């Protein structure tokens, strides 16, 4: 693989993150929540293993939100007209984000609450 091709792939990935931040309100909300959690982690004094969990959850949440946005765009491109299967695909992807967000919140509570009490 040529080095230039390798570095272009990073450029495209960074552009994708930029698109998500610029065009997706939910992505910006997840970034805000991540910053709050990171600040709370510093204030609380998390252990190394707790930081690993928090960073994995934050990374997973942001990545899943971006996948949801990508799925929505592909579905809109493939089916510009309203179609029940297109709606299902978009709703299922959004549901996956909701499931991970709920699990993330529970993980956060399990890590932070005992330290705060």
N, C-alpha and C. Protein backbone atom coordinates (compact mmCIF):
# COMPACT_ATOMS: atom_id res chain seq x y z
N UNK A 1 0.84 -1.17 0.00
CA UNK A 1 0.00 0.00 0.00
C UNK A 1 0.89 1.24 0.00
N UNK A 2 0.59 2.17 -0.86
CA UNK A 2 1.36 3.40 -0.93
C UNK A 2 1.08 4.25 0.31
N UNK A 3 2.12 4.94 0.75
CA UNK A 3 1.99 5.80 1.93
C UNK A 3 0.95 6.89 1.70
N UNK A 4 0.93 7.47 0.50
CA UNK A 4 -0.01 8.56 0.22
C UNK A 4 -1.45 8.06 0.33
N UNK A 5 -1.70 6.86 -0.14
CA UNK A 5 -3.04 6.27 -0.05
C UNK A 5 -3.43 6.03 1.40
N UNK A 6 -2.46 5.57 2.16
CA UNK A 6 -2.67 5.31 3.59
C UNK A 6 -3.06 6.60 4.31
N UNK A 7 -2.32 7.68 4.05
CA UNK A 7 -2.60 8.94 4.72
C UNK A 7 -3.90 9.59 4.22
N UNK A 8 -4.24 9.35 2.97
CA UNK A 8 -5.52 9.85 2.45
C UNK A 8 -6.69 9.22 3.20
N UNK A 9 -6.55 7.95 3.58
CA UNK A 9 -7.64 7.29 4.30
C UNK A 9 -7.88 7.99 5.64
N UNK A 10 -6.82 8.45 6.28
CA UNK A 10 -6.98 9.21 7.52
C UNK A 10 -7.65 10.55 7.25
N UNK A 11 -7.29 11.18 6.15
CA UNK A 11 -7.91 12.45 5.77
C UNK A 11 -9.42 12.27 5.60
N UNK A 12 -9.81 11.20 4.92
CA UNK A 12 -11.24 10.94 4.71
C UNK A 12 -11.95 10.66 6.03
N UNK A 13 -11.29 9.92 6.92
CA UNK A 13 -11.88 9.62 8.22
C UNK A 13 -12.08 10.90 9.03
N UNK A 14 -11.09 11.78 9.00
CA UNK A 14 -11.21 13.05 9.72
C UNK A 14 -12.33 13.89 9.11
N UNK A 15 -12.45 13.87 7.79
CA UNK A 15 -13.55 14.58 7.13
C UNK A 15 -14.90 14.03 7.59
N UNK A 16 -14.98 12.71 7.73
CA UNK A 16 -16.22 12.08 8.21
C UNK A 16 -16.58 12.55 9.60
N UNK A 17 -15.59 12.62 10.48
CA UNK A 17 -15.84 13.13 11.83
C UNK A 17 -16.33 14.57 11.75
N UNK A 18 -15.70 15.36 10.87
CA UNK A 18 -16.12 16.75 10.69
C UNK A 18 -17.56 16.85 10.20
N UNK A 19 -17.93 16.01 9.23
CA UNK A 19 -19.32 16.01 8.75
C UNK A 19 -20.28 15.71 9.90
N UNK A 20 -19.93 14.70 10.70
CA UNK A 20 -20.81 14.31 11.81
C UNK A 20 -20.95 15.45 12.82
N UNK A 21 -19.85 16.10 13.14
CA UNK A 21 -19.91 17.21 14.11
C UNK A 21 -20.68 18.40 13.56
N UNK A 22 -20.51 18.66 12.27
CA UNK A 22 -21.14 19.83 11.66
C UNK A 22 -22.64 19.63 11.43
N UNK A 23 -23.02 18.41 11.05
CA UNK A 23 -24.39 18.19 10.56
C UNK A 23 -25.29 17.40 11.49
N UNK A 24 -24.73 16.84 12.54
CA UNK A 24 -25.53 15.98 13.41
C UNK A 24 -25.64 16.56 14.82
N UNK A 25 -26.83 17.03 15.16
CA UNK A 25 -27.06 17.60 16.49
C UNK A 25 -26.79 16.57 17.59
N UNK A 26 -27.22 15.34 17.38
CA UNK A 26 -27.01 14.31 18.40
C UNK A 26 -25.53 14.05 18.64
N UNK A 27 -24.72 14.15 17.60
CA UNK A 27 -23.27 13.96 17.76
C UNK A 27 -22.71 15.06 18.65
N UNK A 28 -23.16 16.28 18.44
CA UNK A 28 -22.68 17.38 19.29
C UNK A 28 -23.14 17.19 20.73
N UNK A 29 -24.34 16.66 20.93
CA UNK A 29 -24.80 16.38 22.29
C UNK A 29 -23.97 15.28 22.94
N UNK A 30 -23.61 14.26 22.17
CA UNK A 30 -22.76 13.19 22.71
C UNK A 30 -21.37 13.72 23.06
N UNK A 31 -20.85 14.62 22.25
CA UNK A 31 -19.55 15.24 22.55
C UNK A 31 -19.65 16.04 23.85
N UNK A 32 -20.71 16.81 24.01
CA UNK A 32 -20.91 17.57 25.25
C UNK A 32 -20.99 16.64 26.45
N UNK A 33 -21.77 15.57 26.32
CA UNK A 33 -21.88 14.60 27.42
C UNK A 33 -20.51 13.98 27.72
N UNK A 34 -19.75 13.67 26.67
CA UNK A 34 -18.42 13.08 26.86
C UNK A 34 -17.51 14.04 27.62
N UNK A 35 -17.55 15.32 27.27
CA UNK A 35 -16.72 16.31 27.96
C UNK A 35 -17.11 16.43 29.43
N UNK A 36 -18.41 16.37 29.71
CA UNK A 36 -18.88 16.42 31.10
C UNK A 36 -18.38 15.19 31.86
N UNK A 37 -18.49 14.02 31.25
CA UNK A 37 -18.04 12.78 31.89
C UNK A 37 -16.53 12.82 32.12
N UNK A 38 -15.78 13.31 31.13
CA UNK A 38 -14.33 13.40 31.29
C UNK A 38 -13.96 14.35 32.43
N UNK A 39 -14.64 15.48 32.51
CA UNK A 39 -14.39 16.42 33.61
C UNK A 39 -14.74 15.78 34.95
N UNK A 40 -15.87 15.08 34.99
CA UNK A 40 -16.27 14.39 36.23
C UNK A 40 -15.25 13.33 36.60
N UNK A 41 -14.69 12.66 35.60
CA UNK A 41 -13.67 11.64 35.86
C UNK A 41 -12.41 12.23 36.47
N UNK A 42 -11.99 13.38 35.95
CA UNK A 42 -10.82 14.06 36.50
C UNK A 42 -11.11 14.51 37.93
N UNK A 43 -12.28 15.10 38.13
CA UNK A 43 -12.67 15.60 39.45
C UNK A 43 -12.79 14.46 40.47
N UNK A 44 -13.29 13.32 40.02
CA UNK A 44 -13.52 12.18 40.90
C UNK A 44 -12.24 11.40 41.18
N UNK A 45 -11.29 11.44 40.25
CA UNK A 45 -10.06 10.69 40.43
C UNK A 45 -10.24 9.21 40.12
N UNK A 46 -10.63 8.93 38.90
CA UNK A 46 -10.87 7.55 38.50
C UNK A 46 -9.57 6.75 38.44
N UNK A 47 -9.68 5.46 38.64
CA UNK A 47 -8.53 4.56 38.51
C UNK A 47 -8.26 4.33 37.03
N UNK A 48 -7.12 3.71 36.74
CA UNK A 48 -6.77 3.41 35.36
C UNK A 48 -7.81 2.51 34.70
N UNK A 49 -8.26 1.50 35.40
CA UNK A 49 -9.26 0.59 34.81
C UNK A 49 -10.60 1.31 34.60
N UNK A 50 -10.96 2.19 35.49
CA UNK A 50 -12.20 2.96 35.31
C UNK A 50 -12.08 3.89 34.10
N UNK A 51 -10.91 4.51 33.92
CA UNK A 51 -10.69 5.36 32.75
C UNK A 51 -10.78 4.54 31.46
N UNK A 52 -10.23 3.34 31.49
CA UNK A 52 -10.32 2.49 30.29
C UNK A 52 -11.77 2.21 29.92
N UNK A 53 -12.57 1.90 30.92
CA UNK A 53 -13.99 1.63 30.67
C UNK A 53 -14.69 2.88 30.14
N UNK A 54 -14.46 4.01 30.80
CA UNK A 54 -15.10 5.27 30.40
C UNK A 54 -14.72 5.63 28.96
N UNK A 55 -13.43 5.51 28.64
CA UNK A 55 -12.98 5.86 27.29
C UNK A 55 -13.54 4.91 26.24
N UNK A 56 -13.64 3.63 26.57
CA UNK A 56 -14.25 2.67 25.64
C UNK A 56 -15.73 3.00 25.41
N UNK A 57 -16.42 3.34 26.47
CA UNK A 57 -17.85 3.66 26.35
C UNK A 57 -18.05 4.94 25.54
N UNK A 58 -17.24 5.96 25.82
CA UNK A 58 -17.35 7.22 25.06
C UNK A 58 -17.02 6.96 23.59
N UNK A 59 -15.93 6.27 23.32
CA UNK A 59 -15.56 5.97 21.94
C UNK A 59 -16.62 5.15 21.23
N UNK A 60 -17.17 4.16 21.92
CA UNK A 60 -18.23 3.35 21.34
C UNK A 60 -19.48 4.16 21.03
N UNK A 61 -19.82 5.07 21.94
CA UNK A 61 -21.01 5.89 21.74
C UNK A 61 -20.85 6.80 20.53
N UNK A 62 -19.70 7.45 20.43
CA UNK A 62 -19.46 8.36 19.31
C UNK A 62 -19.41 7.58 17.99
N UNK A 63 -18.74 6.44 17.99
CA UNK A 63 -18.65 5.63 16.78
C UNK A 63 -20.03 5.13 16.36
N UNK A 64 -20.84 4.69 17.31
CA UNK A 64 -22.17 4.18 16.99
C UNK A 64 -23.07 5.30 16.47
N UNK A 65 -22.95 6.49 17.04
CA UNK A 65 -23.74 7.62 16.54
C UNK A 65 -23.35 7.94 15.10
N UNK A 66 -22.07 7.85 14.80
CA UNK A 66 -21.63 8.11 13.43
C UNK A 66 -22.12 7.02 12.48
N UNK A 67 -22.12 5.76 12.93
CA UNK A 67 -22.65 4.67 12.10
C UNK A 67 -24.15 4.88 11.84
N UNK A 68 -24.87 5.31 12.85
CA UNK A 68 -26.29 5.59 12.70
C UNK A 68 -26.50 6.67 11.63
N UNK A 69 -25.70 7.73 11.70
CA UNK A 69 -25.81 8.81 10.72
C UNK A 69 -25.49 8.31 9.32
N UNK A 70 -24.47 7.45 9.20
CA UNK A 70 -24.11 6.90 7.89
C UNK A 70 -25.24 6.03 7.35
N UNK A 71 -25.83 5.22 8.20
CA UNK A 71 -26.95 4.37 7.77
C UNK A 71 -28.12 5.23 7.31
N UNK A 72 -28.42 6.28 8.04
CA UNK A 72 -29.52 7.17 7.64
C UNK A 72 -29.27 7.76 6.26
N UNK A 73 -28.04 8.19 6.00
CA UNK A 73 -27.73 8.78 4.71
C UNK A 73 -27.82 7.75 3.57
N UNK A 74 -27.32 6.57 3.80
CA UNK A 74 -27.38 5.53 2.77
C UNK A 74 -28.83 5.16 2.49
N UNK A 75 -29.63 5.04 3.53
CA UNK A 75 -31.05 4.71 3.33
C UNK A 75 -31.74 5.83 2.57
N UNK A 76 -31.46 7.08 2.92
CA UNK A 76 -32.07 8.20 2.20
C UNK A 76 -31.65 8.22 0.73
N UNK A 77 -30.40 7.86 0.47
CA UNK A 77 -29.92 7.81 -0.92
C UNK A 77 -30.59 6.67 -1.68
N UNK A 78 -30.69 5.51 -1.05
CA UNK A 78 -31.25 4.34 -1.72
C UNK A 78 -32.76 4.42 -1.87
N UNK A 79 -33.41 5.10 -0.93
CA UNK A 79 -34.86 5.17 -0.94
C UNK A 79 -35.32 6.58 -0.63
N UNK A 80 -35.22 7.49 -1.62
CA UNK A 80 -35.63 8.88 -1.37
C UNK A 80 -37.12 9.01 -1.03
N UNK A 81 -37.92 8.10 -1.57
CA UNK A 81 -39.35 8.10 -1.24
C UNK A 81 -39.54 7.38 0.09
N UNK A 82 -40.60 7.74 0.78
CA UNK A 82 -40.90 7.08 2.06
C UNK A 82 -41.26 5.62 1.79
N UNK A 83 -40.58 4.73 2.50
CA UNK A 83 -40.81 3.31 2.35
C UNK A 83 -40.75 2.67 3.74
N UNK A 84 -41.65 1.74 4.05
CA UNK A 84 -41.67 1.13 5.38
C UNK A 84 -40.34 0.47 5.77
N UNK A 85 -39.66 -0.18 4.82
CA UNK A 85 -38.39 -0.82 5.15
C UNK A 85 -37.29 0.21 5.42
N UNK A 86 -37.33 1.34 4.69
CA UNK A 86 -36.36 2.40 4.94
C UNK A 86 -36.56 2.96 6.35
N UNK A 87 -37.82 3.15 6.73
CA UNK A 87 -38.11 3.63 8.08
C UNK A 87 -37.63 2.64 9.13
N UNK A 88 -37.89 1.36 8.90
CA UNK A 88 -37.44 0.34 9.85
C UNK A 88 -35.93 0.34 10.01
N UNK A 89 -35.21 0.43 8.89
CA UNK A 89 -33.74 0.43 8.95
C UNK A 89 -33.24 1.61 9.77
N UNK A 90 -33.82 2.78 9.53
CA UNK A 90 -33.39 3.97 10.27
C UNK A 90 -33.78 3.88 11.74
N UNK A 91 -34.96 3.36 12.02
CA UNK A 91 -35.40 3.23 13.41
C UNK A 91 -34.57 2.20 14.17
N UNK A 92 -34.21 1.11 13.50
CA UNK A 92 -33.38 0.09 14.15
C UNK A 92 -32.01 0.66 14.48
N UNK A 93 -31.42 1.40 13.55
CA UNK A 93 -30.11 2.02 13.80
C UNK A 93 -30.20 3.01 14.96
N UNK A 94 -31.27 3.81 14.99
CA UNK A 94 -31.46 4.75 16.10
C UNK A 94 -31.68 3.99 17.41
N UNK A 95 -32.38 2.86 17.34
CA UNK A 95 -32.59 2.03 18.53
C UNK A 95 -31.28 1.49 19.08
N UNK A 96 -30.36 1.13 18.18
CA UNK A 96 -29.05 0.65 18.63
C UNK A 96 -28.31 1.74 19.40
N UNK A 97 -28.41 2.97 18.94
CA UNK A 97 -27.79 4.09 19.65
C UNK A 97 -28.43 4.25 21.02
N UNK A 98 -29.74 4.14 21.09
CA UNK A 98 -30.45 4.29 22.36
C UNK A 98 -30.05 3.19 23.34
N UNK A 99 -29.94 1.96 22.87
CA UNK A 99 -29.53 0.85 23.73
C UNK A 99 -28.13 1.10 24.30
N UNK A 100 -27.20 1.52 23.43
CA UNK A 100 -25.83 1.77 23.90
C UNK A 100 -25.78 2.97 24.83
N UNK A 101 -26.59 4.00 24.55
CA UNK A 101 -26.62 5.17 25.43
C UNK A 101 -27.14 4.79 26.82
N UNK A 102 -28.17 3.96 26.88
CA UNK A 102 -28.69 3.51 28.17
C UNK A 102 -27.65 2.69 28.92
N UNK A 103 -26.99 1.77 28.22
CA UNK A 103 -25.94 0.96 28.84
C UNK A 103 -24.80 1.85 29.32
N UNK A 104 -24.46 2.86 28.53
CA UNK A 104 -23.39 3.79 28.90
C UNK A 104 -23.75 4.55 30.17
N UNK A 105 -24.99 5.00 30.25
CA UNK A 105 -25.43 5.72 31.45
C UNK A 105 -25.36 4.82 32.68
N UNK A 106 -25.78 3.59 32.55
CA UNK A 106 -25.72 2.65 33.68
C UNK A 106 -24.27 2.40 34.09
N UNK A 107 -23.40 2.21 33.11
CA UNK A 107 -21.97 2.02 33.41
C UNK A 107 -21.42 3.24 34.13
N UNK A 108 -21.77 4.42 33.65
CA UNK A 108 -21.32 5.64 34.31
C UNK A 108 -21.80 5.73 35.75
N UNK A 109 -23.05 5.39 35.97
CA UNK A 109 -23.58 5.41 37.34
C UNK A 109 -22.87 4.40 38.22
N UNK A 110 -22.61 3.21 37.69
CA UNK A 110 -21.93 2.18 38.47
C UNK A 110 -20.50 2.59 38.84
N UNK A 111 -19.87 3.39 37.99
CA UNK A 111 -18.51 3.85 38.28
C UNK A 111 -18.52 5.06 39.21
N UNK A 112 -19.39 6.03 38.94
CA UNK A 112 -19.32 7.31 39.68
C UNK A 112 -20.05 7.31 41.01
N UNK A 113 -21.24 6.74 41.06
CA UNK A 113 -22.05 6.84 42.30
C UNK A 113 -21.31 6.32 43.52
N UNK A 114 -20.70 5.12 43.50
CA UNK A 114 -19.99 4.68 44.70
C UNK A 114 -18.88 5.62 45.15
N UNK A 115 -18.24 6.27 44.20
CA UNK A 115 -17.15 7.20 44.55
C UNK A 115 -17.70 8.48 45.15
N UNK A 116 -18.90 8.87 44.77
CA UNK A 116 -19.48 10.11 45.27
C UNK A 116 -20.19 9.94 46.61
N UNK A 117 -20.57 8.70 46.92
CA UNK A 117 -21.31 8.48 48.18
C UNK A 117 -20.40 8.23 49.36
